[in-house]
Amino acid sequence: MCTRTIKINDTLIEQVRPIFPDDEALQAWLEQQLEAALIQVATEKRLVPPCSYTDEEMYAIVKQRLQSLEDGTAKLVDGDEVFAQIQSRYGFKA
């Protein structure tokens, strides 16, 4: 477990404090709520691929790249540069 400091509006805390038998119960409830929210965010993040294009967007990208190959204007990008861009854009090493 890690410990984080968060700020919560005092007025809101005072409004809900009577619902809980003691501060430990309030603390446990807050931790459960935050954990549930973090799990939801983590789950949603995994559902969206790091690079998601519509079919139309992908078609346009491929068409442009093929055209640059046919025109002779395509440039070779060094593999290290590609991997650096992947890490920078999507946050993981390829």
C-alpha atoms as a PDB file:
ATOM      1  CA  MET A   1       0.000   0.000   0.000  1.00  0.00           C
ATOM      2  CA  CYS A   2       1.146   3.516  -0.705  1.00  0.00           C
ATOM      3  CA  THR A   3       0.168   6.651   1.167  1.00  0.00           C
ATOM      4  CA  ARG A   4      -1.060   9.742  -0.672  1.00  0.00           C
ATOM      5  CA  THR A   5      -2.264  13.065   0.614  1.00  0.00           C
ATOM      6  CA  ILE A   6      -5.466  14.348  -0.952  1.00  0.00           C
ATOM      7  CA  LYS A   7      -7.445  17.500  -0.323  1.00  0.00           C
ATOM      8  CA  ILE A   8     -11.185  17.286   0.347  1.00  0.00           C
ATOM      9  CA  ASN A   9     -13.563  20.141   0.964  1.00  0.00           C
ATOM     10  CA  ASP A  10     -13.961  20.481   4.757  1.00  0.00           C
ATOM     11  CA  THR A  11     -17.644  21.364   4.450  1.00  0.00           C
ATOM     12  CA  LEU A  12     -18.374  18.157   2.571  1.00  0.00           C
ATOM     13  CA  ILE A  13     -16.517  16.048   5.106  1.00  0.00           C
ATOM     14  CA  GLU A  14     -18.451  17.648   7.951  1.00  0.00           C
ATOM     15  CA  GLN A  15     -21.731  16.957   6.132  1.00  0.00           C
ATOM     16  CA  VAL A  16     -21.044  13.219   5.839  1.00  0.00           C
ATOM     17  CA  ARG A  17     -19.159  12.692   9.111  1.00  0.00           C
ATOM     18  CA  PRO A  18     -22.367  11.902  11.114  1.00  0.00           C
ATOM     19  CA  ILE A  19     -23.074   8.966   8.770  1.00  0.00           C
ATOM     20  CA  PHE A  20     -19.959   7.146   9.990  1.00  0.00           C
ATOM     21  CA  PRO A  21     -19.480   5.797  13.513  1.00  0.00           C
ATOM     22  CA  ASP A  22     -15.909   7.130  13.750  1.00  0.00           C
ATOM     23  CA  ASP A  23     -13.018   8.593  11.739  1.00  0.00           C
ATOM     24  CA  GLU A  24     -11.616   5.116  11.004  1.00  0.00           C
ATOM     25  CA  ALA A  25     -14.885   4.126   9.316  1.00  0.00           C
ATOM     26  CA  LEU A  26     -14.870   7.331   7.262  1.00  0.00           C
ATOM     27  CA  GLN A  27     -11.231   6.734   6.303  1.00  0.00           C
ATOM     28  CA  ALA A  28     -11.960   3.134   5.266  1.00  0.00           C
ATOM     29  CA  TRP A  29     -14.923   4.258   3.155  1.00  0.00           C
ATOM     30  CA  LEU A  30     -12.887   6.986   1.448  1.00  0.00           C
ATOM     31  CA  GLU A  31     -10.123   4.496   0.652  1.00  0.00           C
ATOM     32  CA  GLN A  32     -12.645   2.025  -0.792  1.00  0.00           C
ATOM     33  CA  GLN A  33     -14.214   4.726  -2.971  1.00  0.00           C
ATOM     34  CA  LEU A  34     -10.870   5.906  -4.285  1.00  0.00           C
ATOM     35  CA  GLU A  35      -9.702   2.360  -4.958  1.00  0.00           C
ATOM     36  CA  ALA A  36     -12.904   1.606  -6.881  1.00  0.00           C
ATOM     37  CA  ALA A  37     -12.449   4.773  -8.938  1.00  0.00           C
ATOM     38  CA  LEU A  38      -8.814   3.896  -9.708  1.00  0.00           C
ATOM     39  CA  ILE A  39      -9.782   0.359 -10.745  1.00  0.00           C
ATOM     40  CA  GLN A  40     -12.423   1.786 -13.072  1.00  0.00           C
ATOM     41  CA  VAL A  41      -9.958   4.198 -14.659  1.00  0.00           C
ATOM     42  CA  ALA A  42      -7.351   1.450 -15.070  1.00  0.00           C
ATOM     43  CA  THR A  43      -9.931  -0.863 -16.636  1.00  0.00           C
ATOM     44  CA  GLU A  44     -11.204   1.783 -19.038  1.00  0.00           C
ATOM     45  CA  LYS A  45      -7.639   2.658 -20.030  1.00  0.00           C
ATOM     46  CA  ARG A  46      -6.982  -0.967 -21.034  1.00  0.00           C
ATOM     47  CA  LEU A  47     -10.130  -1.053 -23.172  1.00  0.00           C
ATOM     48  CA  VAL A  48      -8.870   1.719 -25.432  1.00  0.00           C
ATOM     49  CA  PRO A  49      -5.930   0.698 -27.578  1.00  0.00           C
ATOM     50  CA  PRO A  50      -3.007   3.116 -27.367  1.00  0.00           C
ATOM     51  CA  CYS A  51      -3.403   4.004 -31.029  1.00  0.00           C
ATOM     52  CA  SER A  52      -6.969   3.831 -32.217  1.00  0.00           C
ATOM     53  CA  TYR A  53      -7.972   5.213 -35.588  1.00  0.00           C
ATOM     54  CA  THR A  54     -11.278   4.949 -37.367  1.00  0.00           C
ATOM     55  CA  ASP A  55     -11.331   2.920 -40.563  1.00  0.00           C
ATOM     56  CA  GLU A  56     -11.471   6.149 -42.565  1.00  0.00           C
ATOM     57  CA  GLU A  57      -8.482   7.644 -40.736  1.00  0.00           C
ATOM     58  CA  MET A  58      -6.421   4.491 -41.215  1.00  0.00           C
ATOM     59  CA  TYR A  59      -7.348   4.360 -44.907  1.00  0.00           C
ATOM     60  CA  ALA A  60      -6.169   7.974 -45.354  1.00  0.00           C
ATOM     61  CA  ILE A  61      -2.894   7.281 -43.508  1.00  0.00           C
ATOM     62  CA  VAL A  62      -2.125   4.173 -45.563  1.00  0.00           C
ATOM     63  CA  LYS A  63      -3.101   5.941 -48.792  1.00  0.00           C
ATOM     64  CA  GLN A  64      -0.765   8.839 -47.988  1.00  0.00           C
ATOM     65  CA  ARG A  65       2.100   6.500 -47.109  1.00  0.00           C
ATOM     66  CA  LEU A  66       1.642   4.442 -50.261  1.00  0.00           C
ATOM     67  CA  GLN A  67       1.561   7.635 -52.303  1.00  0.00           C
ATOM     68  CA  SER A  68       4.849   8.801 -50.753  1.00  0.00           C
ATOM     69  CA  LEU A  69       6.399   5.413 -51.606  1.00  0.00           C
ATOM     70  CA  GLU A  70       5.217   5.689 -55.204  1.00  0.00           C
ATOM     71  CA  ASP A  71       6.431   9.290 -55.465  1.00  0.00           C
ATOM     72  CA  GLY A  72       9.817   8.391 -54.039  1.00  0.00           C
ATOM     73  CA  THR A  73       9.396  10.886 -51.199  1.00  0.00           C
ATOM     74  CA  ALA A  74       9.138   8.294 -48.414  1.00  0.00           C
ATOM     75  CA  LYS A  75      11.917   8.467 -45.854  1.00  0.00           C
ATOM     76  CA  LEU A  76      13.350   5.609 -43.851  1.00  0.00           C
ATOM     77  CA  VAL A  77      13.099   6.246 -40.123  1.00  0.00           C
ATOM     78  CA  ASP A  78      15.765   4.679 -37.927  1.00  0.00           C
ATOM     79  CA  GLY A  79      14.421   1.861 -35.731  1.00  0.00           C
ATOM     80  CA  ASP A  80      15.711   3.498 -32.539  1.00  0.00           C
ATOM     81  CA  GLU A  81      13.794   6.645 -33.447  1.00  0.00           C
ATOM     82  CA  VAL A  82      10.610   4.620 -34.044  1.00  0.00           C
ATOM     83  CA  PHE A  83      10.918   2.932 -30.648  1.00  0.00           C
ATOM     84  CA  ALA A  84      11.639   6.267 -28.955  1.00  0.00           C
ATOM     85  CA  GLN A  85       8.490   7.737 -30.520  1.00  0.00           C
ATOM     86  CA  ILE A  86       6.423   4.737 -29.390  1.00  0.00           C
ATOM     87  CA  GLN A  87       7.698   5.103 -25.836  1.00  0.00           C
ATOM     88  CA  SER A  88       7.099   8.857 -25.838  1.00  0.00           C
ATOM     89  CA  ARG A  89       3.614   8.650 -27.332  1.00  0.00           C
ATOM     90  CA  TYR A  90       2.223   5.543 -25.613  1.00  0.00           C
ATOM     91  CA  GLY A  91       4.307   5.272 -22.466  1.00  0.00           C
ATOM     92  CA  PHE A  92       5.762   1.800 -22.934  1.00  0.00           C
ATOM     93  CA  LYS A  93       8.857   0.305 -24.464  1.00  0.00           C
ATOM     94  CA  ALA A  94       8.389  -1.626 -27.671  1.00  0.00           C
END
